[in-house]
C-alpha atoms as a PDB file:
ATOM      1  CA  MET A   1      17.902  -7.056 -11.644  1.00  0.00           C
ATOM      2  CA  ARG A   2      17.731  -6.236 -15.213  1.00  0.00           C
ATOM      3  CA  LEU A   3      14.846  -4.476 -16.876  1.00  0.00           C
ATOM      4  CA  ALA A   4      13.575  -6.132 -20.143  1.00  0.00           C
ATOM      5  CA  THR A   5      13.607  -3.453 -22.659  1.00  0.00           C
ATOM      6  CA  ASN A   6      10.703  -4.689 -24.280  1.00  0.00           C
ATOM      7  CA  SER A   7       8.451  -4.467 -21.318  1.00  0.00           C
ATOM      8  CA  PRO A   8       5.143  -2.772 -22.299  1.00  0.00           C
ATOM      9  CA  GLN A   9       4.930   0.981 -21.608  1.00  0.00           C
ATOM     10  CA  ILE A  10       1.998   2.508 -20.076  1.00  0.00           C
ATOM     11  CA  ASP A  11       0.791   4.842 -22.622  1.00  0.00           C
ATOM     12  CA  THR A  12      -3.008   5.102 -21.624  1.00  0.00           C
ATOM     13  CA  GLN A  13      -4.074   8.643 -20.588  1.00  0.00           C
ATOM     14  CA  LEU A  14      -5.241   9.761 -17.130  1.00  0.00           C
ATOM     15  CA  PRO A  15      -8.466  11.767 -17.057  1.00  0.00           C
ATOM     16  CA  VAL A  16      -6.618  14.966 -16.917  1.00  0.00           C
ATOM     17  CA  PRO A  17      -3.831  15.206 -19.603  1.00  0.00           C
ATOM     18  CA  PRO A  18      -0.553  16.104 -18.015  1.00  0.00           C
ATOM     19  CA  ASP A  19       1.524  19.309 -18.875  1.00  0.00           C
ATOM     20  CA  VAL A  20       4.646  17.331 -19.279  1.00  0.00           C
ATOM     21  CA  SER A  21       4.847  13.375 -20.101  1.00  0.00           C
ATOM     22  CA  SER A  22       7.546  10.779 -20.960  1.00  0.00           C
ATOM     23  CA  ILE A  23       5.057   9.186 -23.416  1.00  0.00           C
ATOM     24  CA  GLY A  24       6.230   9.691 -27.018  1.00  0.00           C
ATOM     25  CA  ARG A  25       9.956  10.092 -26.029  1.00  0.00           C
ATOM     26  CA  PRO A  26      12.733   7.351 -26.049  1.00  0.00           C
ATOM     27  CA  TRP A  27      11.934   5.935 -22.587  1.00  0.00           C
ATOM     28  CA  GLY A  28      11.721   2.682 -20.473  1.00  0.00           C
ATOM     29  CA  GLY A  29      10.201   1.570 -17.529  1.00  0.00           C
ATOM     30  CA  VAL A  30       7.868   3.675 -15.510  1.00  0.00           C
ATOM     31  CA  THR A  31       5.645   6.227 -17.289  1.00  0.00           C
ATOM     32  CA  VAL A  32       6.297   9.797 -15.548  1.00  0.00           C
ATOM     33  CA  GLN A  33       4.057  12.767 -15.982  1.00  0.00           C
ATOM     34  CA  ILE A  34       3.853  16.256 -14.446  1.00  0.00           C
ATOM     35  CA  HIS A  35       0.637  18.167 -13.916  1.00  0.00           C
ATOM     36  CA  HIS A  36       0.848  21.977 -13.258  1.00  0.00           C
ATOM     37  CA  TRP A  37      -2.438  22.878 -11.338  1.00  0.00           C
ATOM     38  CA  ARG A  38      -2.950  26.603 -11.700  1.00  0.00           C
ATOM     39  CA  ALA A  39      -5.907  26.934  -9.213  1.00  0.00           C
ATOM     40  CA  ALA A  40      -7.561  24.902  -6.689  1.00  0.00           C
ATOM     41  CA  GLY A  41      -9.327  21.996  -8.022  1.00  0.00           C
ATOM     42  CA  SER A  42     -10.327  18.355  -7.752  1.00  0.00           C
ATOM     43  CA  VAL A  43      -9.766  15.231  -9.946  1.00  0.00           C
ATOM     44  CA  ILE A  44     -10.786  11.653  -9.773  1.00  0.00           C
ATOM     45  CA  SER A  45      -8.510   8.930 -10.956  1.00  0.00           C
ATOM     46  CA  PRO A  46     -10.349   5.577 -11.885  1.00  0.00           C
ATOM     47  CA  ALA A  47      -9.216   2.300 -10.832  1.00  0.00           C
ATOM     48  CA  LEU A  48      -6.354   1.246 -12.885  1.00  0.00           C
ATOM     49  CA  ASP A  49      -4.332  -1.840 -13.842  1.00  0.00           C
ATOM     50  CA  HIS A  50      -1.063  -0.310 -12.224  1.00  0.00           C
ATOM     51  CA  ASP A  51       0.160   1.269  -9.324  1.00  0.00           C
ATOM     52  CA  ILE A  52       0.741   4.979  -9.082  1.00  0.00           C
ATOM     53  CA  LEU A  53       3.356   7.072  -7.081  1.00  0.00           C
ATOM     54  CA  ALA A  54       2.772  10.585  -6.984  1.00  0.00           C
ATOM     55  CA  MET A  55       4.820  13.347  -5.186  1.00  0.00           C
ATOM     56  CA  ARG A  56       4.491  17.083  -4.662  1.00  0.00           C
ATOM     57  CA  LEU A  57       6.995  18.957  -6.741  1.00  0.00           C
ATOM     58  CA  ALA A  58       6.172  22.727  -5.907  1.00  0.00           C
ATOM     59  CA  GLY A  59       3.799  24.893  -3.557  1.00  0.00           C
ATOM     60  CA  HIS A  60       2.298  23.676  -0.408  1.00  0.00           C
ATOM     61  CA  ALA A  61      -1.359  23.298  -0.149  1.00  0.00           C
ATOM     62  CA  ALA A  62      -4.358  21.642   1.820  1.00  0.00           C
ATOM     63  CA  LEU A  63      -4.961  18.334   0.122  1.00  0.00           C
ATOM     64  CA  GLU A  64      -7.732  16.025   0.620  1.00  0.00           C
ATOM     65  CA  GLN A  65      -7.515  12.383  -0.710  1.00  0.00           C
ATOM     66  CA  ARG A  66     -10.152   9.488  -0.790  1.00  0.00           C
ATOM     67  CA  ARG A  67      -9.221   6.119  -1.256  1.00  0.00           C
ATOM     68  CA  LEU A  68     -10.649   2.787  -0.059  1.00  0.00           C
ATOM     69  CA  GLY A  69     -13.243   4.308   2.090  1.00  0.00           C
ATOM     70  CA  LYS A  70     -10.668   6.506   3.788  1.00  0.00           C
ATOM     71  CA  ILE A  71     -10.461  10.219   3.796  1.00  0.00           C
ATOM     72  CA  HIS A  72      -7.184  11.787   4.577  1.00  0.00           C
ATOM     73  CA  ARG A  73      -6.897  15.751   4.877  1.00  0.00           C
ATOM     74  CA  SER A  74      -3.268  16.949   5.493  1.00  0.00           C
ATOM     75  CA  LEU A  75      -0.819  20.038   4.460  1.00  0.00           C
ATOM     76  CA  VAL A  76       1.376  18.878   1.609  1.00  0.00           C
ATOM     77  CA  VAL A  77       4.844  20.236   0.692  1.00  0.00           C
ATOM     78  CA  PRO A  78       7.246  19.647  -1.939  1.00  0.00           C
ATOM     79  CA  GLY A  79       8.628  15.917  -1.210  1.00  0.00           C
ATOM     80  CA  ASN A  80       5.096  14.439   0.144  1.00  0.00           C
ATOM     81  CA  LEU A  81       4.395  11.157  -1.578  1.00  0.00           C
ATOM     82  CA  GLY A  82       1.325   9.194  -2.128  1.00  0.00           C
ATOM     83  CA  LEU A  83       0.906   5.729  -3.284  1.00  0.00           C
ATOM     84  CA  HIS A  84      -2.211   4.637  -5.108  1.00  0.00           C
ATOM     85  CA  PRO A  85      -2.600   0.916  -5.312  1.00  0.00           C
ATOM     86  CA  ARG A  86      -3.928  -0.602  -8.736  1.00  0.00           C
ATOM     87  CA  HIS A  87      -7.589  -1.414  -8.998  1.00  0.00           C
ATOM     88  CA  VAL A  88      -8.537   1.528  -6.512  1.00  0.00           C
ATOM     89  CA  GLU A  89     -10.456   4.666  -7.393  1.00  0.00           C
ATOM     90  CA  SER A  90      -8.592   7.862  -5.881  1.00  0.00           C
ATOM     91  CA  ARG A  91     -10.291  11.507  -5.527  1.00  0.00           C
ATOM     92  CA  TRP A  92      -8.200  14.405  -4.868  1.00  0.00           C
ATOM     93  CA  SER A  93      -8.975  18.069  -3.954  1.00  0.00           C
ATOM     94  CA  TRP A  94      -6.715  20.897  -3.308  1.00  0.00           C
ATOM     95  CA  ASP A  95      -7.027  24.479  -2.295  1.00  0.00           C
ATOM     96  CA  ARG A  96      -4.282  26.362  -4.300  1.00  0.00           C
ATOM     97  CA  PRO A  97      -1.962  25.919  -7.261  1.00  0.00           C
ATOM     98  CA  GLY A  98       0.701  23.564  -7.119  1.00  0.00           C
ATOM     99  CA  SER A  99       2.727  20.992  -9.061  1.00  0.00           C
ATOM    100  CA  ILE A 100       2.923  17.073  -8.881  1.00  0.00           C
ATOM    101  CA  VAL A 101       4.981  14.420 -10.719  1.00  0.00           C
ATOM    102  CA  VAL A 102       3.040  10.942 -11.181  1.00  0.00           C
ATOM    103  CA  SER A 103       4.880   7.852 -11.687  1.00  0.00           C
ATOM    104  CA  ARG A 104       2.832   5.113 -13.393  1.00  0.00           C
ATOM    105  CA  ILE A 105       4.608   1.895 -12.549  1.00  0.00           C
ATOM    106  CA  PRO A 106       3.966  -1.405 -14.925  1.00  0.00           C
ATOM    107  CA  GLN A 107       2.798  -4.436 -12.830  1.00  0.00           C
ATOM    108  CA  SER A 108       5.495  -6.492 -14.909  1.00  0.00           C
ATOM    109  CA  LEU A 109       8.274  -4.380 -13.444  1.00  0.00           C
ATOM    110  CA  LEU A 110       6.792  -4.988 -10.048  1.00  0.00           C
ATOM    111  CA  ILE A 111       6.400  -8.684 -10.241  1.00  0.00           C
ATOM    112  CA  GLU A 112       9.973  -8.916 -11.453  1.00  0.00           C
ATOM    113  CA  ALA A 113      11.292  -6.751  -8.581  1.00  0.00           C
ATOM    114  CA  ALA A 114       9.366  -8.860  -6.000  1.00  0.00           C
ATOM    115  CA  GLU A 115      10.734 -12.040  -7.433  1.00  0.00           C
ATOM    116  CA  VAL A 116      14.308 -10.855  -7.022  1.00  0.00           C
ATOM    117  CA  VAL A 117      14.004  -8.461  -3.922  1.00  0.00           C
ATOM    118  CA  LEU A 118      11.376 -10.625  -1.796  1.00  0.00           C
ATOM    119  CA  ARG A 119      12.186 -14.098  -3.199  1.00  0.00           C
ATOM    120  CA  GLN A 120       8.480 -14.865  -3.584  1.00  0.00           C
ATOM    121  CA  PRO A 121       6.150 -15.179  -6.514  1.00  0.00           C
ATOM    122  CA  GLY A 122       5.728 -11.606  -7.927  1.00  0.00           C
ATOM    123  CA  GLU A 123       1.913 -11.760  -8.380  1.00  0.00           C
ATOM    124  CA  GLN A 124       1.706 -11.902  -4.758  1.00  0.00           C
ATOM    125  CA  HIS A 125       2.955  -8.715  -4.043  1.00  0.00           C
ATOM    126  CA  VAL A 126       0.622  -5.902  -3.102  1.00  0.00           C
ATOM    127  CA  LEU A 127       1.861  -2.288  -2.377  1.00  0.00           C
ATOM    128  CA  CYS A 128       0.324  -0.230   0.354  1.00  0.00           C
ATOM    129  CA  ASN A 129      -2.325   2.638   0.395  1.00  0.00           C
ATOM    130  CA  CYS A 130      -0.209   5.431   1.561  1.00  0.00           C
ATOM    131  CA  PHE A 131      -1.582   9.162   1.721  1.00  0.00           C
ATOM    132  CA  GLY A 132       1.301  11.355   2.687  1.00  0.00           C
ATOM    133  CA  VAL A 133       4.771   9.818   3.796  1.00  0.00           C
ATOM    134  CA  ARG A 134       8.285  10.901   3.183  1.00  0.00           C
ATOM    135  CA  ASP A 135      11.038   8.558   1.678  1.00  0.00           C
ATOM    136  CA  ALA A 136      14.268  10.272   0.762  1.00  0.00           C
ATOM    137  CA  PHE A 137      14.984   7.514  -1.837  1.00  0.00           C
ATOM    138  CA  ALA A 138      11.731   7.590  -3.593  1.00  0.00           C
ATOM    139  CA  GLU A 139      11.907  11.467  -3.533  1.00  0.00           C
ATOM    140  CA  THR A 140      15.236  11.519  -5.017  1.00  0.00           C
ATOM    141  CA  VAL A 141      14.533   8.983  -7.981  1.00  0.00           C
ATOM    142  CA  LEU A 142      11.264  11.102  -8.765  1.00  0.00           C
ATOM    143  CA  PHE A 143      12.782  14.296  -8.813  1.00  0.00           C
ATOM    144  CA  THR A 144      15.333  13.005 -11.205  1.00  0.00           C
ATOM    145  CA  LEU A 145      12.935  11.411 -13.496  1.00  0.00           C
ATOM    146  CA  ALA A 146      10.907  14.685 -13.423  1.00  0.00           C
ATOM    147  CA  ARG A 147      14.308  16.592 -14.347  1.00  0.00           C
ATOM    148  CA  GLU A 148      14.833  14.043 -17.081  1.00  0.00           C
ATOM    149  CA  ILE A 149      11.236  14.750 -18.729  1.00  0.00           C
ATOM    150  CA  GLN A 150      11.844  18.462 -18.735  1.00  0.00           C
ATOM    151  CA  LEU A 151      15.109  17.912 -21.020  1.00  0.00           C
ATOM    152  CA  ASP A 152      15.461  17.342 -24.630  1.00  0.00           C
ATOM    153  CA  ALA A 153      15.746  13.801 -25.444  1.00  0.00           C
ATOM    154  CA  HIS A 154      19.364  12.582 -25.488  1.00  0.00           C
ATOM    155  CA  PRO A 155      21.242   9.211 -26.137  1.00  0.00           C
ATOM    156  CA  ALA A 156      21.374   8.307 -22.475  1.00  0.00           C
ATOM    157  CA  GLN A 157      17.887   9.149 -21.481  1.00  0.00           C
ATOM    158  CA  ARG A 158      16.477   5.709 -22.076  1.00  0.00           C
ATOM    159  CA  LEU A 159      19.121   4.006 -20.071  1.00  0.00           C
ATOM    160  CA  ILE A 160      18.755   6.437 -17.120  1.00  0.00           C
ATOM    161  CA  ALA A 161      14.713   5.920 -17.170  1.00  0.00           C
ATOM    162  CA  GLU A 162      15.256   2.105 -17.275  1.00  0.00           C
ATOM    163  CA  SER A 163      17.890   2.250 -14.477  1.00  0.00           C
ATOM    164  CA  LEU A 164      15.992   4.471 -12.347  1.00  0.00           C
ATOM    165  CA  SER A 165      12.685   2.435 -12.931  1.00  0.00           C
ATOM    166  CA  CYS A 166      14.401  -0.910 -11.686  1.00  0.00           C
ATOM    167  CA  ALA A 167      15.702   0.916  -8.560  1.00  0.00           C
ATOM    168  CA  LEU A 168      12.342   2.737  -7.810  1.00  0.00           C
ATOM    169  CA  ALA A 169      10.455  -0.610  -8.231  1.00  0.00           C
ATOM    170  CA  ALA A 170      12.831  -2.553  -5.927  1.00  0.00           C
ATOM    171  CA  HIS A 171      12.634  -0.082  -3.369  1.00  0.00           C
ATOM    172  CA  LEU A 172       8.785   0.096  -3.530  1.00  0.00           C
ATOM    173  CA  VAL A 173       8.140  -3.755  -3.328  1.00  0.00           C
ATOM    174  CA  TYR A 174      10.510  -3.677  -0.365  1.00  0.00           C
ATOM    175  CA  ARG A 175       9.597  -0.763   1.545  1.00  0.00           C
ATOM    176  CA  PHE A 176       5.886  -0.347   0.760  1.00  0.00           C
ATOM    177  CA  ASN A 177       4.714  -3.855   0.744  1.00  0.00           C
ATOM    178  CA  VAL A 178       1.686  -4.421   2.576  1.00  0.00           C
ATOM    179  CA  ARG A 179       3.767  -6.939   4.946  1.00  0.00           C
ATOM    180  CA  HIS A 180       5.850  -4.101   5.935  1.00  0.00           C
ATOM    181  CA  ALA A 181       4.276  -3.065   9.367  1.00  0.00           C
ATOM    182  CA  ASN A 182       5.556   0.687   9.139  1.00  0.00           C
ATOM    183  CA  ALA A 183       5.405   1.078   5.485  1.00  0.00           C
ATOM    184  CA  CYS A 184       3.050   4.052   5.478  1.00  0.00           C
ATOM    185  CA  ALA A 185       3.760   5.837   8.632  1.00  0.00           C
ATOM    186  CA  SER A 186       2.574   9.561   8.466  1.00  0.00           C
ATOM    187  CA  VAL A 187       5.143  12.331   8.618  1.00  0.00           C
ATOM    188  CA  LYS A 188       5.229  13.552  12.324  1.00  0.00           C
ATOM    189  CA  GLY A 189       5.970  17.474  12.519  1.00  0.00           C
ATOM    190  CA  LEU A 190       4.160  20.470  13.068  1.00  0.00           C
ATOM    191  CA  HIS A 191       0.337  20.714  13.025  1.00  0.00           C
ATOM    192  CA  PRO A 192      -0.802  21.404   9.613  1.00  0.00           C
ATOM    193  CA  ARG A 193      -2.525  24.724  10.452  1.00  0.00           C
ATOM    194  CA  ALA A 194       0.723  25.827  12.263  1.00  0.00           C
ATOM    195  CA  LEU A 195       2.865  24.812   9.259  1.00  0.00           C
ATOM    196  CA  GLY A 196       0.506  26.472   6.728  1.00  0.00           C
ATOM    197  CA  ARG A 197       0.955  29.638   8.677  1.00  0.00           C
ATOM    198  CA  VAL A 198       4.637  29.573   8.886  1.00  0.00           C
ATOM    199  CA  LEU A 199       5.109  28.868   5.206  1.00  0.00           C
ATOM    200  CA  ASP A 200       2.742  31.704   4.283  1.00  0.00           C
ATOM    201  CA  PHE A 201       4.791  33.925   6.355  1.00  0.00           C
ATOM    202  CA  LEU A 202       8.048  32.781   4.831  1.00  0.00           C
ATOM    203  CA  HIS A 203       6.923  33.248   1.221  1.00  0.00           C
ATOM    204  CA  GLU A 204       5.637  36.667   1.889  1.00  0.00           C
ATOM    205  CA  SER A 205       8.472  38.126   4.126  1.00  0.00           C
ATOM    206  CA  THR A 206      11.433  40.083   2.767  1.00  0.00           C
ATOM    207  CA  GLY A 207      12.855  41.486   5.822  1.00  0.00           C
ATOM    208  CA  ALA A 208      14.990  39.763   8.722  1.00  0.00           C
ATOM    209  CA  VAL A 209      13.359  36.630  10.080  1.00  0.00           C
ATOM    210  CA  SER A 210      14.363  34.816  13.314  1.00  0.00           C
ATOM    211  CA  LEU A 211      13.760  31.116  14.401  1.00  0.00           C
ATOM    212  CA  GLN A 212      11.778  32.766  17.215  1.00  0.00           C
ATOM    213  CA  ASP A 213       9.643  34.716  14.777  1.00  0.00           C
ATOM    214  CA  MET A 214       8.463  31.340  13.349  1.00  0.00           C
ATOM    215  CA  ALA A 215       8.159  29.592  16.626  1.00  0.00           C
ATOM    216  CA  ASP A 216       5.823  32.586  17.765  1.00  0.00           C
ATOM    217  CA  ILE A 217       3.622  32.173  14.591  1.00  0.00           C
ATOM    218  CA  ALA A 218       3.602  28.356  15.062  1.00  0.00           C
ATOM    219  CA  GLN A 219       2.843  28.757  18.911  1.00  0.00           C
ATOM    220  CA  VAL A 220       5.372  26.380  20.099  1.00  0.00           C
ATOM    221  CA  SER A 221       8.930  26.920  21.525  1.00  0.00           C
ATOM    222  CA  ARG A 222      11.655  27.526  19.277  1.00  0.00           C
ATOM    223  CA  PHE A 223      13.603  24.351  20.052  1.00  0.00           C
ATOM    224  CA  HIS A 224      10.363  22.328  19.455  1.00  0.00           C
ATOM    225  CA  PHE A 225       9.837  24.327  16.069  1.00  0.00           C
ATOM    226  CA  ALA A 226      13.088  23.672  14.917  1.00  0.00           C
ATOM    227  CA  ARG A 227      12.963  20.118  15.336  1.00  0.00           C
ATOM    228  CA  MET A 228       9.039  19.817  14.077  1.00  0.00           C
ATOM    229  CA  PHE A 229       9.587  21.945  10.889  1.00  0.00           C
ATOM    230  CA  LYS A 230      12.372  19.775   9.693  1.00  0.00           C
ATOM    231  CA  LEU A 231      10.365  16.691  10.321  1.00  0.00           C
ATOM    232  CA  SER A 232       7.647  18.266   8.042  1.00  0.00           C
ATOM    233  CA  THR A 233       9.537  19.572   5.319  1.00  0.00           C
ATOM    234  CA  GLY A 234      12.771  17.608   5.235  1.00  0.00           C
ATOM    235  CA  GLU A 235      15.118  20.779   5.661  1.00  0.00           C
ATOM    236  CA  THR A 236      15.847  23.319   8.571  1.00  0.00           C
ATOM    237  CA  ALA A 237      13.696  26.502   8.748  1.00  0.00           C
ATOM    238  CA  MET A 238      16.423  28.720   8.028  1.00  0.00           C
ATOM    239  CA  ALA A 239      17.693  26.693   5.095  1.00  0.00           C
ATOM    240  CA  TYR A 240      13.967  26.814   3.574  1.00  0.00           C
ATOM    241  CA  LEU A 241      13.994  30.410   3.911  1.00  0.00           C
ATOM    242  CA  GLU A 242      17.467  31.077   2.441  1.00  0.00           C
ATOM    243  CA  ARG A 243      16.282  28.820  -0.647  1.00  0.00           C
ATOM    244  CA  ILE A 244      13.178  30.583  -1.558  1.00  0.00           C
ATOM    245  CA  ARG A 245      14.719  34.036  -1.251  1.00  0.00           C
ATOM    246  CA  LEU A 246      17.334  32.807  -3.662  1.00  0.00           C
ATOM    247  CA  LEU A 247      14.684  31.236  -6.130  1.00  0.00           C
ATOM    248  CA  ARG A 248      13.045  34.925  -5.721  1.00  0.00           C
ATOM    249  CA  ALA A 249      16.228  36.624  -6.495  1.00  0.00           C
ATOM    250  CA  ARG A 250      16.590  34.536  -9.580  1.00  0.00           C
ATOM    251  CA  GLU A 251      13.123  35.552 -10.837  1.00  0.00           C
ATOM    252  CA  LEU A 252      14.289  39.393 -10.330  1.00  0.00           C
ATOM    253  CA  LEU A 253      17.512  38.746 -12.128  1.00  0.00           C
ATOM    254  CA  LEU A 254      15.426  37.168 -15.179  1.00  0.00           C
ATOM    255  CA  SER A 255      13.185  40.155 -15.295  1.00  0.00           C
ATOM    256  CA  GLY A 256      16.175  42.413 -15.939  1.00  0.00           C
ATOM    257  CA  GLU A 257      14.732  45.168 -14.183  1.00  0.00           C
ATOM    258  CA  TYR A 258      16.618  45.215 -10.825  1.00  0.00           C
ATOM    259  CA  SER A 259      20.504  45.422 -10.177  1.00  0.00           C
ATOM    260  CA  VAL A 260      22.274  42.905  -7.881  1.00  0.00           C
ATOM    261  CA  ALA A 261      22.530  45.274  -5.063  1.00  0.00           C
ATOM    262  CA  SER A 262      18.914  46.298  -5.093  1.00  0.00           C
ATOM    263  CA  ILE A 263      17.813  42.617  -5.159  1.00  0.00           C
ATOM    264  CA  ALA A 264      20.315  41.629  -2.351  1.00  0.00           C
ATOM    265  CA  ALA A 265      18.443  44.598  -0.358  1.00  0.00           C
ATOM    266  CA  GLN A 266      15.125  43.886  -1.089  1.00  0.00           C
ATOM    267  CA  LEU A 267      15.494  40.143   0.054  1.00  0.00           C
ATOM    268  CA  GLY A 268      17.071  40.709   3.410  1.00  0.00           C
ATOM    269  CA  PHE A 269      20.598  39.702   2.412  1.00  0.00           C
ATOM    270  CA  ALA A 270      23.268  41.330   4.870  1.00  0.00           C
ATOM    271  CA  ASP A 271      25.160  42.840   1.494  1.00  0.00           C
ATOM    272  CA  GLN A 272      25.749  42.231  -1.968  1.00  0.00           C
ATOM    273  CA  SER A 273      28.780  40.330  -1.417  1.00  0.00           C
ATOM    274  CA  HIS A 274      26.867  37.873   1.174  1.00  0.00           C
ATOM    275  CA  PHE A 275      24.204  37.350  -1.310  1.00  0.00           C
ATOM    276  CA  GLY A 276      26.746  36.542  -4.146  1.00  0.00           C
ATOM    277  CA  ARG A 277      28.184  33.949  -2.060  1.00  0.00           C
ATOM    278  CA  ARG A 278      24.971  32.376  -1.358  1.00  0.00           C
ATOM    279  CA  PHE A 279      23.635  32.656  -4.829  1.00  0.00           C
ATOM    280  CA  ARG A 280      26.792  30.965  -6.243  1.00  0.00           C
ATOM    281  CA  ARG A 281      26.450  28.123  -3.946  1.00  0.00           C
ATOM    282  CA  TYR A 282      22.722  27.364  -5.093  1.00  0.00           C
ATOM    283  CA  PHE A 283      23.255  28.023  -8.924  1.00  0.00           C
ATOM    284  CA  GLY A 284      27.098  27.628  -9.582  1.00  0.00           C
ATOM    285  CA  CYS A 285      27.477  31.257 -10.758  1.00  0.00           C
ATOM    286  CA  SER A 286      27.385  34.678  -9.415  1.00  0.00           C
ATOM    287  CA  PRO A 287      23.966  36.496  -9.960  1.00  0.00           C
ATOM    288  CA  ARG A 288      25.614  38.559 -12.629  1.00  0.00           C
ATOM    289  CA  GLU A 289      26.699  35.979 -14.762  1.00  0.00           C
ATOM    290  CA  TYR A 290      23.410  34.139 -14.322  1.00  0.00           C
ATOM    291  CA  GLY A 291      21.713  37.224 -15.527  1.00  0.00           C
ATOM    292  CA  GLN A 292      23.950  37.444 -18.574  1.00  0.00           C
ATOM    293  CA  ARG A 293      24.118  33.702 -19.613  1.00  0.00           C
ATOM    294  CA  GLU A 294      20.230  32.921 -19.588  1.00  0.00           C
ATOM    295  CA  PRO A 295      18.714  33.582 -23.147  1.00  0.00           C
ATOM    296  CA  TRP A 296      15.405  34.523 -21.865  1.00  0.00           C
ATOM    297  CA  ALA A 297      16.688  37.375 -19.401  1.00  0.00           C
ATOM    298  CA  GLY A 298      14.726  40.270 -19.425  1.00  0.00           C
ATOM    299  CA  ARG A 299      11.660  38.698 -20.806  1.00  0.00           C
ATOM    300  CA  LYS A 300       8.398  37.080 -19.395  1.00  0.00           C
ATOM    301  CA  GLY A 301      10.129  33.893 -18.414  1.00  0.00           C
ATOM    302  CA  PRO A 302      11.645  30.976 -20.462  1.00  0.00           C
ATOM    303  CA  PRO A 303      10.522  30.514 -23.874  1.00  0.00           C
ATOM    304  CA  GLU A 304       9.746  26.811 -23.685  1.00  0.00           C
ATOM    305  CA  GLY A 305       7.967  24.556 -21.378  1.00  0.00           C
ATOM    306  CA  PRO A 306       4.618  25.290 -19.477  1.00  0.00           C
ATOM    307  CA  ALA A 307       4.891  28.371 -16.971  1.00  0.00           C
ATOM    308  CA  LEU A 308       3.776  27.810 -13.575  1.00  0.00           C
ATOM    309  CA  PRO A 309       1.379  30.527 -12.147  1.00  0.00           C
ATOM    310  CA  GLN A 310       2.724  33.100  -9.922  1.00  0.00           C
ATOM    311  CA  GLY A 311       3.530  32.002  -6.344  1.00  0.00           C
ATOM    312  CA  TRP A 312       4.709  28.645  -7.095  1.00  0.00           C
ATOM    313  CA  ARG A 313       7.782  27.890  -5.559  1.00  0.00           C
ATOM    314  CA  PRO A 314      10.095  24.573  -6.163  1.00  0.00           C
ATOM    315  CA  ALA A 315      11.681  22.837  -3.437  1.00  0.00           C
ATOM    316  CA  THR A 316      14.458  20.426  -2.457  1.00  0.00           C
ATOM    317  CA  PHE A 317      15.693  18.730   0.468  1.00  0.00           C
ATOM    318  CA  GLY A 318      19.059  19.563   1.933  1.00  0.00           C
ATOM    319  CA  ALA A 319      21.582  16.908   1.052  1.00  0.00           C
ATOM    320  CA  VAL A 320      18.605  14.525  -0.506  1.00  0.00           C
ATOM    321  CA  VAL A 321      18.346  16.533  -3.663  1.00  0.00           C
ATOM    322  CA  PRO A 322      21.087  19.173  -4.684  1.00  0.00           C
ATOM    323  CA  PRO A 323      20.071  22.744  -5.057  1.00  0.00           C
ATOM    324  CA  GLN A 324      20.875  22.780  -8.653  1.00  0.00           C
ATOM    325  CA  TRP A 325      18.192  20.397  -9.624  1.00  0.00           C
ATOM    326  CA  GLU A 326      15.561  22.925  -8.813  1.00  0.00           C
ATOM    327  CA  ASN A 327      16.235  24.440 -12.449  1.00  0.00           C
ATOM    328  CA  PHE A 328      13.654  21.805 -13.879  1.00  0.00           C
ATOM    329  CA  VAL A 329      10.776  23.689 -12.625  1.00  0.00           C
ATOM    330  CA  ARG A 330       9.749  26.516 -14.902  1.00  0.00           C
ATOM    331  CA  ARG A 331       8.130  29.726 -13.467  1.00  0.00           C
ATOM    332  CA  GLU A 332       6.370  32.430 -14.793  1.00  0.00           C
ATOM    333  CA  GLN A 333       7.728  35.805 -14.102  1.00  0.00           C
END
């Protein structure tokens, strides 16, 4: 399958302007836009002539979606996907800050994908109305596209965007076609209220936390909790905890106000050496090297790009998205 480089791009604006967009840069295929919601709110997306695949990038929130006469309420975490079919109005409301990436898929691209992948006239394809699903392939593609529009334009960017757009379109018409019986099966995991209590606890904690502590908060057995948490978030509870603490450590390093030893102690690492090993695994350098090499260290966050509100936390999913990809999410210190 080869994308025609002269395919029309979607350049119409949604009701709420995005913080970052692929519109206006050398780009091909899917239009990609990032919205940083800085508070609770709601938005109405009118019926459009193209399909939209949206994914949570940062922050967990209680989300209500309304489409095609259906109401869906759930706790969403980074990686949760929503598919909005064309010609359908969609209403969202959420209860706290967060960040999403929206991919707007040209109809011509999906028609071409359907003809190649499904061996059927492309005009006959219809994508499902999905409220909250997990799909490792789509998550990886959207994370990569979101990262690209956070970078300065470069010679390979258009080819990257076109190639990923072709792959995403082919995957969608195969995996999320209305003829696929289980295309939009909901994520099975912890009850949303239990998951919300655990996530709030993890983001606020600084001391030692055990699997039993989290299971007690969720009010389930330790073994059931471990399995359900991974189904809900895409990673183990201890991996999730370590990651958010390392991201917090990065913030403290960039503030220039704390020593490596004090950061390690504040965030519950066994010692400075253990902290250094884990930090290097995630960010590719030691904590000291990271603080020295970043040009905005000691300032109020990076000089470019929209800043996210306090409390937002980017997320990745174990082997699906490498830890170093978290760097594309900008945060306010």
